[in-house]
Amino acid sequence: MLRRMSILVASRRHVLDIFRHRGGATAPLFVMMLVAIMGISGVAIDFGRMTFLKIRIAKAVDAASLAAARAASDMSAADPNRSQSDIALAASTVGQNYINGNVGQIPGVVPSTPVVTVTFNNGAWTASASYQVVANTTLASIVGTRSASISADSTSSIAARFPVLDIAMCVDSTGS
């Protein structure tokens, strides 16, 4: 019994010595700080990538709405007998192609179908474009964020164009 008691006291003393010992505490602190720094760096890198994608998609959607409205206006001026629904459908296709051409294939991004609607109201062609993608994150998945949804919307309006008449006035000052 005495031997058992001495083993218990010795093991208890040994366990307490482990908890009181301060040497080698830098390794666990380094690992904890490394995980925190990697998580913060991952979120920063992914945030920069998502911001880049948002800007790229917003520019493509803005350009697509302008291109669709301009295409509708040009088609209307070129063929006044063409129906507005045909013009709207053709201009909508122009806008969708414009988004697909400008965004292209981006690695790690799941694209959706661009939505471009063209209408004619009060003598002006109006095009509305919207686009959404789901982008996979790289290092932010450490903190639990596996993907981010990025979307952009734009509306453009172009009034019907009237024929342009240029007038030039020439003055001859040579004395002939």
N, C-alpha and C. Protein backbone atom coordinates (compact mmCIF):
# COMPACT_ATOMS: atom_id res chain seq x y z
N MET A 1 0.82 -1.18 0.00
CA MET A 1 0.00 0.00 0.00
C MET A 1 0.87 1.25 0.00
N LEU A 2 1.92 1.21 0.77
CA LEU A 2 2.83 2.34 0.83
C LEU A 2 3.50 2.57 -0.51
N ARG A 3 3.83 1.48 -1.18
CA ARG A 3 4.45 1.60 -2.50
C ARG A 3 3.46 2.23 -3.50
N ARG A 4 2.20 1.81 -3.44
CA ARG A 4 1.18 2.38 -4.30
C ARG A 4 1.03 3.88 -4.04
N MET A 5 1.05 4.25 -2.80
CA MET A 5 0.90 5.64 -2.42
C MET A 5 2.08 6.46 -2.94
N SER A 6 3.27 5.93 -2.87
CA SER A 6 4.43 6.67 -3.34
C SER A 6 4.40 6.82 -4.87
N ILE A 7 3.87 5.83 -5.58
CA ILE A 7 3.75 5.92 -7.03
C ILE A 7 2.74 7.00 -7.40
N LEU A 8 1.62 7.04 -6.68
CA LEU A 8 0.60 8.05 -6.93
C LEU A 8 1.14 9.46 -6.68
N VAL A 9 1.83 9.62 -5.59
CA VAL A 9 2.39 10.92 -5.26
C VAL A 9 3.44 11.32 -6.29
N ALA A 10 4.25 10.38 -6.70
CA ALA A 10 5.29 10.66 -7.68
C ALA A 10 4.66 11.00 -9.03
N SER A 11 3.65 10.25 -9.44
CA SER A 11 3.04 10.55 -10.72
C SER A 11 2.29 11.87 -10.67
N ARG A 12 1.66 12.17 -9.52
CA ARG A 12 0.97 13.46 -9.39
C ARG A 12 1.97 14.60 -9.45
N ARG A 13 3.10 14.43 -8.79
CA ARG A 13 4.13 15.44 -8.83
C ARG A 13 4.67 15.62 -10.24
N HIS A 14 4.80 14.53 -10.95
CA HIS A 14 5.30 14.57 -12.33
C HIS A 14 4.31 15.31 -13.25
N VAL A 15 3.02 15.04 -13.09
CA VAL A 15 2.00 15.72 -13.90
C VAL A 15 2.00 17.21 -13.58
N LEU A 16 2.08 17.57 -12.32
CA LEU A 16 2.11 18.98 -11.94
C LEU A 16 3.36 19.67 -12.47
N ASP A 17 4.47 18.97 -12.49
CA ASP A 17 5.70 19.54 -13.04
C ASP A 17 5.55 19.83 -14.53
N ILE A 18 4.84 18.97 -15.24
CA ILE A 18 4.62 19.20 -16.68
C ILE A 18 3.83 20.48 -16.88
N PHE A 19 2.80 20.70 -16.07
CA PHE A 19 1.98 21.90 -16.23
C PHE A 19 2.71 23.16 -15.76
N ARG A 20 3.62 23.03 -14.83
CA ARG A 20 4.36 24.20 -14.35
C ARG A 20 5.54 24.55 -15.24
N HIS A 21 6.00 23.61 -16.01
CA HIS A 21 7.18 23.81 -16.84
C HIS A 21 6.86 24.80 -17.96
N ARG A 22 7.69 25.82 -18.13
CA ARG A 22 7.45 26.85 -19.13
C ARG A 22 8.37 26.72 -20.35
N GLY A 23 9.29 25.87 -20.35
CA GLY A 23 10.18 25.68 -21.47
C GLY A 23 9.45 24.98 -22.62
N GLY A 24 9.76 25.35 -23.86
CA GLY A 24 9.16 24.75 -25.02
C GLY A 24 7.77 25.26 -25.34
N ALA A 25 7.37 26.38 -24.74
CA ALA A 25 6.04 26.92 -24.99
C ALA A 25 5.98 27.67 -26.31
N THR A 26 7.12 27.89 -26.94
CA THR A 26 7.10 28.62 -28.21
C THR A 26 6.54 27.78 -29.35
N ALA A 27 6.75 26.47 -29.31
CA ALA A 27 6.25 25.62 -30.40
C ALA A 27 4.72 25.65 -30.50
N PRO A 28 3.98 25.43 -29.40
CA PRO A 28 2.52 25.51 -29.53
C PRO A 28 2.04 26.92 -29.89
N LEU A 29 2.69 27.95 -29.35
CA LEU A 29 2.32 29.32 -29.71
C LEU A 29 2.59 29.59 -31.18
N PHE A 30 3.71 29.09 -31.69
CA PHE A 30 4.03 29.26 -33.11
C PHE A 30 2.98 28.59 -33.99
N VAL A 31 2.55 27.39 -33.63
CA VAL A 31 1.55 26.68 -34.42
C VAL A 31 0.22 27.44 -34.39
N MET A 32 -0.18 27.92 -33.22
CA MET A 32 -1.44 28.67 -33.14
C MET A 32 -1.37 29.96 -33.95
N MET A 33 -0.26 30.67 -33.87
CA MET A 33 -0.10 31.91 -34.63
C MET A 33 -0.03 31.62 -36.13
N LEU A 34 0.60 30.53 -36.51
CA LEU A 34 0.70 30.16 -37.93
C LEU A 34 -0.69 29.88 -38.52
N VAL A 35 -1.51 29.18 -37.76
CA VAL A 35 -2.87 28.90 -38.23
C VAL A 35 -3.65 30.21 -38.37
N ALA A 36 -3.52 31.11 -37.40
CA ALA A 36 -4.23 32.39 -37.47
C ALA A 36 -3.74 33.23 -38.64
N ILE A 37 -2.43 33.28 -38.83
CA ILE A 37 -1.87 34.08 -39.93
C ILE A 37 -2.28 33.49 -41.28
N MET A 38 -2.28 32.16 -41.40
CA MET A 38 -2.70 31.53 -42.65
C MET A 38 -4.17 31.82 -42.93
N GLY A 39 -5.00 31.78 -41.92
CA GLY A 39 -6.42 32.08 -42.10
C GLY A 39 -6.65 33.51 -42.54
N ILE A 40 -5.98 34.46 -41.89
CA ILE A 40 -6.12 35.87 -42.25
C ILE A 40 -5.56 36.11 -43.65
N SER A 41 -4.44 35.52 -43.97
CA SER A 41 -3.86 35.67 -45.31
C SER A 41 -4.78 35.09 -46.37
N GLY A 42 -5.36 33.94 -46.08
CA GLY A 42 -6.27 33.31 -47.03
C GLY A 42 -7.49 34.16 -47.29
N VAL A 43 -8.05 34.73 -46.24
CA VAL A 43 -9.22 35.60 -46.42
C VAL A 43 -8.83 36.84 -47.22
N ALA A 44 -7.65 37.41 -46.96
CA ALA A 44 -7.20 38.59 -47.70
C ALA A 44 -6.97 38.27 -49.18
N ILE A 45 -6.35 37.15 -49.46
CA ILE A 45 -6.10 36.75 -50.85
C ILE A 45 -7.42 36.50 -51.58
N ASP A 46 -8.31 35.77 -50.93
CA ASP A 46 -9.60 35.50 -51.56
C ASP A 46 -10.44 36.76 -51.71
N PHE A 47 -10.38 37.68 -50.75
CA PHE A 47 -11.11 38.94 -50.87
C PHE A 47 -10.60 39.74 -52.06
N GLY A 48 -9.28 39.77 -52.26
CA GLY A 48 -8.71 40.45 -53.43
C GLY A 48 -9.16 39.82 -54.73
N ARG A 49 -9.21 38.50 -54.77
CA ARG A 49 -9.65 37.80 -55.97
C ARG A 49 -11.13 38.06 -56.24
N MET A 50 -11.95 38.04 -55.19
CA MET A 50 -13.38 38.29 -55.37
C MET A 50 -13.63 39.73 -55.81
N THR A 51 -12.85 40.67 -55.31
CA THR A 51 -12.99 42.07 -55.74
C THR A 51 -12.62 42.21 -57.21
N PHE A 52 -11.56 41.54 -57.64
CA PHE A 52 -11.16 41.55 -59.05
C PHE A 52 -12.27 40.97 -59.92
N LEU A 53 -12.85 39.84 -59.49
CA LEU A 53 -13.93 39.23 -60.26
C LEU A 53 -15.16 40.14 -60.31
N LYS A 54 -15.48 40.80 -59.21
CA LYS A 54 -16.64 41.71 -59.17
C LYS A 54 -16.44 42.85 -60.16
N ILE A 55 -15.25 43.42 -60.20
CA ILE A 55 -14.97 44.51 -61.13
C ILE A 55 -15.05 44.02 -62.57
N ARG A 56 -14.48 42.85 -62.84
CA ARG A 56 -14.49 42.30 -64.20
C ARG A 56 -15.92 42.01 -64.66
N ILE A 57 -16.72 41.44 -63.80
CA ILE A 57 -18.11 41.13 -64.15
C ILE A 57 -18.93 42.40 -64.29
N ALA A 58 -18.73 43.38 -63.41
CA ALA A 58 -19.48 44.64 -63.50
C ALA A 58 -19.17 45.37 -64.80
N LYS A 59 -17.91 45.38 -65.21
CA LYS A 59 -17.55 46.02 -66.47
C LYS A 59 -18.19 45.30 -67.66
N ALA A 60 -18.20 43.98 -67.63
CA ALA A 60 -18.80 43.21 -68.72
C ALA A 60 -20.30 43.45 -68.80
N VAL A 61 -20.97 43.52 -67.65
CA VAL A 61 -22.42 43.74 -67.64
C VAL A 61 -22.76 45.16 -68.09
N ASP A 62 -21.97 46.15 -67.66
CA ASP A 62 -22.19 47.53 -68.12
C ASP A 62 -22.02 47.63 -69.64
N ALA A 63 -20.96 47.04 -70.13
CA ALA A 63 -20.71 47.08 -71.58
C ALA A 63 -21.80 46.32 -72.34
N ALA A 64 -22.28 45.23 -71.79
CA ALA A 64 -23.32 44.45 -72.47
C ALA A 64 -24.64 45.21 -72.54
N SER A 65 -25.00 45.92 -71.48
CA SER A 65 -26.25 46.68 -71.53
C SER A 65 -26.15 47.83 -72.53
N LEU A 66 -24.98 48.47 -72.58
CA LEU A 66 -24.78 49.53 -73.58
C LEU A 66 -24.80 48.96 -75.00
N ALA A 67 -24.14 47.82 -75.20
CA ALA A 67 -24.10 47.21 -76.53
C ALA A 67 -25.50 46.77 -76.98
N ALA A 68 -26.29 46.22 -76.06
CA ALA A 68 -27.64 45.77 -76.42
C ALA A 68 -28.54 46.96 -76.76
N ALA A 69 -28.45 48.02 -75.97
CA ALA A 69 -29.27 49.21 -76.26
C ALA A 69 -28.85 49.85 -77.58
N ARG A 70 -27.54 49.93 -77.82
CA ARG A 70 -27.04 50.51 -79.07
C ARG A 70 -27.45 49.63 -80.26
N ALA A 71 -27.36 48.31 -80.11
CA ALA A 71 -27.74 47.40 -81.19
C ALA A 71 -29.24 47.55 -81.52
N ALA A 72 -30.06 47.67 -80.49
CA ALA A 72 -31.50 47.85 -80.72
C ALA A 72 -31.77 49.16 -81.44
N SER A 73 -31.09 50.22 -81.03
CA SER A 73 -31.27 51.52 -81.67
C SER A 73 -30.82 51.47 -83.12
N ASP A 74 -29.69 50.85 -83.38
CA ASP A 74 -29.17 50.74 -84.74
C ASP A 74 -30.09 49.89 -85.62
N MET A 75 -30.59 48.77 -85.08
CA MET A 75 -31.49 47.91 -85.86
C MET A 75 -32.79 48.63 -86.17
N SER A 76 -33.27 49.39 -85.22
CA SER A 76 -34.51 50.15 -85.42
C SER A 76 -34.34 51.22 -86.49
N ALA A 77 -33.19 51.88 -86.49
CA ALA A 77 -32.92 52.91 -87.49
C ALA A 77 -32.67 52.30 -88.87
N ALA A 78 -32.05 51.12 -88.91
CA ALA A 78 -31.72 50.49 -90.19
C ALA A 78 -32.96 49.93 -90.87
N ASP A 79 -33.90 49.39 -90.12
CA ASP A 79 -35.10 48.79 -90.70
C ASP A 79 -36.31 49.21 -89.87
N PRO A 80 -36.96 50.31 -90.23
CA PRO A 80 -38.10 50.80 -89.44
C PRO A 80 -39.30 49.86 -89.48
N ASN A 81 -39.36 48.95 -90.45
CA ASN A 81 -40.50 48.04 -90.55
C ASN A 81 -40.34 46.79 -89.69
N ARG A 82 -39.18 46.61 -89.11
CA ARG A 82 -38.93 45.42 -88.29
C ARG A 82 -39.69 45.56 -86.96
N SER A 83 -40.24 44.45 -86.46
CA SER A 83 -41.03 44.51 -85.23
C SER A 83 -40.12 44.74 -84.01
N GLN A 84 -40.69 45.38 -83.02
CA GLN A 84 -39.93 45.69 -81.81
C GLN A 84 -39.53 44.43 -81.06
N SER A 85 -40.37 43.40 -81.12
CA SER A 85 -40.02 42.15 -80.43
C SER A 85 -38.84 41.46 -81.10
N ASP A 86 -38.75 41.51 -82.43
CA ASP A 86 -37.60 40.94 -83.13
C ASP A 86 -36.33 41.71 -82.80
N ILE A 87 -36.45 43.03 -82.77
CA ILE A 87 -35.29 43.87 -82.43
C ILE A 87 -34.85 43.58 -81.00
N ALA A 88 -35.80 43.50 -80.07
CA ALA A 88 -35.48 43.25 -78.66
C ALA A 88 -34.79 41.89 -78.50
N LEU A 89 -35.28 40.87 -79.20
CA LEU A 89 -34.68 39.54 -79.11
C LEU A 89 -33.25 39.53 -79.67
N ALA A 90 -33.07 40.16 -80.82
CA ALA A 90 -31.73 40.21 -81.43
C ALA A 90 -30.76 41.01 -80.56
N ALA A 91 -31.22 42.14 -80.02
CA ALA A 91 -30.36 42.96 -79.16
C ALA A 91 -30.04 42.25 -77.86
N SER A 92 -30.99 41.48 -77.33
CA SER A 92 -30.76 40.70 -76.12
C SER A 92 -29.67 39.66 -76.36
N THR A 93 -29.69 39.02 -77.50
CA THR A 93 -28.65 38.04 -77.86
C THR A 93 -27.29 38.72 -77.97
N VAL A 94 -27.27 39.94 -78.54
CA VAL A 94 -26.01 40.69 -78.63
C VAL A 94 -25.45 40.93 -77.22
N GLY A 95 -26.31 41.34 -76.29
CA GLY A 95 -25.86 41.59 -74.91
C GLY A 95 -25.35 40.34 -74.23
N GLN A 96 -26.06 39.21 -74.40
CA GLN A 96 -25.61 37.96 -73.79
C GLN A 96 -24.27 37.51 -74.36
N ASN A 97 -24.11 37.63 -75.66
CA ASN A 97 -22.83 37.28 -76.27
C ASN A 97 -21.71 38.19 -75.78
N TYR A 98 -22.05 39.44 -75.54
CA TYR A 98 -21.05 40.38 -75.06
C TYR A 98 -20.57 40.00 -73.66
N ILE A 99 -21.50 39.61 -72.79
CA ILE A 99 -21.10 39.18 -71.44
C ILE A 99 -20.24 37.92 -71.53
N ASN A 100 -20.71 36.93 -72.29
CA ASN A 100 -19.95 35.67 -72.40
C ASN A 100 -18.58 35.90 -73.00
N GLY A 101 -18.46 36.82 -73.95
CA GLY A 101 -17.16 37.11 -74.56
C GLY A 101 -16.22 37.85 -73.65
N ASN A 102 -16.74 38.74 -72.81
CA ASN A 102 -15.87 39.52 -71.93
C ASN A 102 -15.50 38.79 -70.65
N VAL A 103 -16.38 37.97 -70.13
CA VAL A 103 -16.08 37.24 -68.90
C VAL A 103 -15.25 36.01 -69.22
N GLY A 104 -15.66 35.26 -70.24
CA GLY A 104 -14.89 34.09 -70.66
C GLY A 104 -14.85 33.01 -69.60
N GLN A 105 -13.88 32.14 -69.72
CA GLN A 105 -13.71 31.05 -68.78
C GLN A 105 -12.75 31.48 -67.68
N ILE A 106 -13.25 31.60 -66.47
CA ILE A 106 -12.43 31.97 -65.32
C ILE A 106 -12.27 30.71 -64.47
N PRO A 107 -11.03 30.31 -64.15
CA PRO A 107 -10.85 29.10 -63.35
C PRO A 107 -11.47 29.25 -61.96
N GLY A 108 -12.13 28.22 -61.48
CA GLY A 108 -12.72 28.21 -60.16
C GLY A 108 -14.03 28.97 -60.05
N VAL A 109 -14.65 29.28 -61.19
CA VAL A 109 -15.89 30.04 -61.20
C VAL A 109 -16.97 29.23 -61.91
N VAL A 110 -18.15 29.15 -61.29
CA VAL A 110 -19.30 28.50 -61.89
C VAL A 110 -20.21 29.60 -62.43
N PRO A 111 -20.26 29.78 -63.77
CA PRO A 111 -21.05 30.87 -64.33
C PRO A 111 -22.53 30.51 -64.42
N SER A 112 -23.34 31.51 -64.60
CA SER A 112 -24.76 31.31 -64.86
C SER A 112 -25.07 31.89 -66.25
N THR A 113 -26.29 31.77 -66.67
CA THR A 113 -26.68 32.33 -67.96
C THR A 113 -26.96 33.81 -67.79
N PRO A 114 -26.34 34.67 -68.61
CA PRO A 114 -26.61 36.10 -68.48
C PRO A 114 -28.05 36.42 -68.87
N VAL A 115 -28.63 37.37 -68.17
CA VAL A 115 -30.01 37.79 -68.45
C VAL A 115 -29.96 39.21 -68.99
N VAL A 116 -30.39 39.38 -70.23
CA VAL A 116 -30.43 40.69 -70.87
C VAL A 116 -31.83 40.89 -71.44
N THR A 117 -32.50 41.94 -70.98
CA THR A 117 -33.83 42.25 -71.50
C THR A 117 -33.79 43.63 -72.15
N VAL A 118 -34.42 43.73 -73.31
CA VAL A 118 -34.43 44.98 -74.06
C VAL A 118 -35.89 45.37 -74.29
N THR A 119 -36.20 46.62 -73.99
CA THR A 119 -37.57 47.13 -74.17
C THR A 119 -37.52 48.48 -74.87
N PHE A 120 -38.66 48.85 -75.45
CA PHE A 120 -38.80 50.15 -76.12
C PHE A 120 -39.88 50.92 -75.39
N ASN A 121 -39.51 52.04 -74.77
CA ASN A 121 -40.45 52.88 -74.01
C ASN A 121 -40.20 54.34 -74.31
N ASN A 122 -41.25 55.05 -74.64
CA ASN A 122 -41.18 56.51 -74.83
C ASN A 122 -40.09 56.93 -75.80
N GLY A 123 -39.93 56.20 -76.87
CA GLY A 123 -38.96 56.57 -77.90
C GLY A 123 -37.52 56.23 -77.57
N ALA A 124 -37.28 55.43 -76.54
CA ALA A 124 -35.90 55.06 -76.17
C ALA A 124 -35.81 53.55 -75.98
N TRP A 125 -34.70 53.00 -76.40
CA TRP A 125 -34.43 51.58 -76.17
C TRP A 125 -33.71 51.45 -74.84
N THR A 126 -34.22 50.58 -73.97
CA THR A 126 -33.63 50.36 -72.66
C THR A 126 -33.20 48.91 -72.55
N ALA A 127 -31.97 48.70 -72.14
CA ALA A 127 -31.45 47.34 -71.96
C ALA A 127 -31.04 47.16 -70.50
N SER A 128 -31.50 46.08 -69.90
CA SER A 128 -31.12 45.73 -68.53
C SER A 128 -30.38 44.40 -68.58
N ALA A 129 -29.22 44.36 -67.95
CA ALA A 129 -28.40 43.15 -67.96
C ALA A 129 -28.05 42.77 -66.52
N SER A 130 -28.04 41.48 -66.26
CA SER A 130 -27.61 40.98 -64.95
C SER A 130 -26.87 39.67 -65.15
N TYR A 131 -25.93 39.42 -64.25
CA TYR A 131 -25.10 38.23 -64.37
C TYR A 131 -24.64 37.84 -62.97
N GLN A 132 -24.56 36.55 -62.71
CA GLN A 132 -24.15 36.07 -61.40
C GLN A 132 -23.24 34.86 -61.56
N VAL A 133 -22.21 34.80 -60.72
CA VAL A 133 -21.32 33.64 -60.70
C VAL A 133 -21.11 33.20 -59.26
N VAL A 134 -20.72 31.97 -59.08
CA VAL A 134 -20.31 31.45 -57.78
C VAL A 134 -18.84 31.11 -57.90
N ALA A 135 -18.01 31.79 -57.12
CA ALA A 135 -16.57 31.59 -57.19
C ALA A 135 -16.11 30.76 -55.98
N ASN A 136 -15.30 29.76 -56.25
CA ASN A 136 -14.74 28.94 -55.17
C ASN A 136 -13.59 29.68 -54.52
N THR A 137 -13.51 29.61 -53.21
CA THR A 137 -12.40 30.24 -52.50
C THR A 137 -11.24 29.26 -52.41
N THR A 138 -10.06 29.78 -52.15
CA THR A 138 -8.90 28.91 -52.03
C THR A 138 -8.52 28.75 -50.56
N LEU A 139 -7.93 29.76 -49.99
CA LEU A 139 -7.46 29.66 -48.61
C LEU A 139 -8.51 30.02 -47.57
N ALA A 140 -9.57 30.72 -47.97
CA ALA A 140 -10.62 31.08 -47.01
C ALA A 140 -11.42 29.86 -46.59
N SER A 141 -11.26 28.76 -47.28
CA SER A 141 -11.98 27.54 -46.88
C SER A 141 -11.45 27.02 -45.54
N ILE A 142 -10.28 27.49 -45.11
CA ILE A 142 -9.75 27.11 -43.80
C ILE A 142 -10.68 27.59 -42.70
N VAL A 143 -11.26 28.78 -42.88
CA VAL A 143 -12.16 29.33 -41.87
C VAL A 143 -13.62 29.01 -42.17
N GLY A 144 -13.88 28.17 -43.17
CA GLY A 144 -15.22 27.68 -43.42
C GLY A 144 -15.96 28.29 -44.59
N THR A 145 -15.38 29.25 -45.29
CA THR A 145 -16.04 29.86 -46.44
C THR A 145 -15.56 29.16 -47.70
N ARG A 146 -16.41 28.33 -48.29
CA ARG A 146 -16.02 27.53 -49.45
C ARG A 146 -16.29 28.23 -50.78
N SER A 147 -17.28 29.13 -50.84
CA SER A 147 -17.58 29.82 -52.09
C SER A 147 -18.21 31.17 -51.78
N ALA A 148 -18.22 32.02 -52.81
CA ALA A 148 -18.83 33.34 -52.69
C ALA A 148 -19.63 33.63 -53.95
N SER A 149 -20.78 34.25 -53.79
CA SER A 149 -21.63 34.61 -54.92
C SER A 149 -21.34 36.05 -55.32
N ILE A 150 -21.11 36.26 -56.61
CA ILE A 150 -20.80 37.58 -57.13
C ILE A 150 -21.82 37.90 -58.22
N SER A 151 -22.44 39.07 -58.15
CA SER A 151 -23.42 39.43 -59.16
C SER A 151 -23.26 40.90 -59.54
N ALA A 152 -23.79 41.24 -60.71
CA ALA A 152 -23.75 42.62 -61.20
C ALA A 152 -24.99 42.88 -62.03
N ASP A 153 -25.50 44.10 -61.95
CA ASP A 153 -26.66 44.53 -62.72
C ASP A 153 -26.35 45.87 -63.37
N SER A 154 -26.97 46.10 -64.53
CA SER A 154 -26.77 47.37 -65.22
C SER A 154 -27.98 47.66 -66.11
N THR A 155 -28.29 48.94 -66.24
CA THR A 155 -29.37 49.38 -67.12
C THR A 155 -28.87 50.54 -67.96
N SER A 156 -29.13 50.48 -69.27
CA SER A 156 -28.72 51.55 -70.19
C SER A 156 -29.91 51.91 -71.06
N SER A 157 -29.98 53.18 -71.43
CA SER A 157 -31.07 53.64 -72.27
C SER A 157 -30.49 54.53 -73.37
N ILE A 158 -30.95 54.28 -74.61
CA ILE A 158 -30.51 55.09 -75.75
C ILE A 158 -31.74 55.52 -76.52
N ALA A 159 -31.85 56.82 -76.72
CA ALA A 159 -32.99 57.37 -77.46
C ALA A 159 -32.82 57.07 -78.94
N ALA A 160 -33.94 57.04 -79.63
CA ALA A 160 -33.90 56.81 -81.08
C ALA A 160 -33.10 57.92 -81.74
N ARG A 161 -32.27 57.53 -82.68
CA ARG A 161 -31.39 58.50 -83.32
C ARG A 161 -32.07 59.13 -84.52
N PHE A 162 -31.79 60.38 -84.69
CA PHE A 162 -32.28 61.10 -85.85
C PHE A 162 -31.13 61.28 -86.82
N PRO A 163 -31.42 61.40 -88.09
CA PRO A 163 -30.32 61.58 -89.06
C PRO A 163 -29.53 62.83 -88.70
N VAL A 164 -28.23 62.72 -88.84
CA VAL A 164 -27.34 63.82 -88.51
C VAL A 164 -27.05 64.61 -89.78
N LEU A 165 -27.19 65.91 -89.70
CA LEU A 165 -26.91 66.78 -90.82
C LEU A 165 -25.75 67.69 -90.43
N ASP A 166 -24.66 67.56 -91.13
CA ASP A 166 -23.50 68.42 -90.87
C ASP A 166 -23.54 69.60 -91.82
N ILE A 167 -23.36 70.77 -91.27
CA ILE A 167 -23.31 71.98 -92.08
C ILE A 167 -21.91 72.56 -91.93
N ALA A 168 -21.28 72.80 -93.07
CA ALA A 168 -19.95 73.38 -93.06
C ALA A 168 -20.00 74.71 -93.82
N MET A 169 -19.39 75.70 -93.25
CA MET A 169 -19.35 77.00 -93.90
C MET A 169 -17.89 77.27 -94.27
N CYS A 170 -17.66 77.49 -95.55
CA CYS A 170 -16.31 77.74 -96.04
C CYS A 170 -16.19 79.21 -96.45
N VAL A 171 -15.15 79.83 -96.01
CA VAL A 171 -14.91 81.23 -96.35
C VAL A 171 -13.60 81.28 -97.12
N ASP A 172 -13.65 81.88 -98.29
CA ASP A 172 -12.45 82.00 -99.11
C ASP A 172 -11.86 83.38 -98.84
N SER A 173 -10.69 83.40 -98.27
CA SER A 173 -10.05 84.68 -97.94
C SER A 173 -8.78 84.92 -98.79
N THR A 174 -8.72 84.27 -99.94
CA THR A 174 -7.52 84.43 -100.78
C THR A 174 -7.59 85.64 -101.70
N GLY A 175 -8.74 86.25 -101.88
CA GLY A 175 -8.86 87.44 -102.74
C GLY A 175 -9.00 87.12 -104.21
N SER A 176 -9.28 85.89 -104.55
CA SER A 176 -9.42 85.55 -105.97
C SER A 176 -10.77 85.88 -106.53
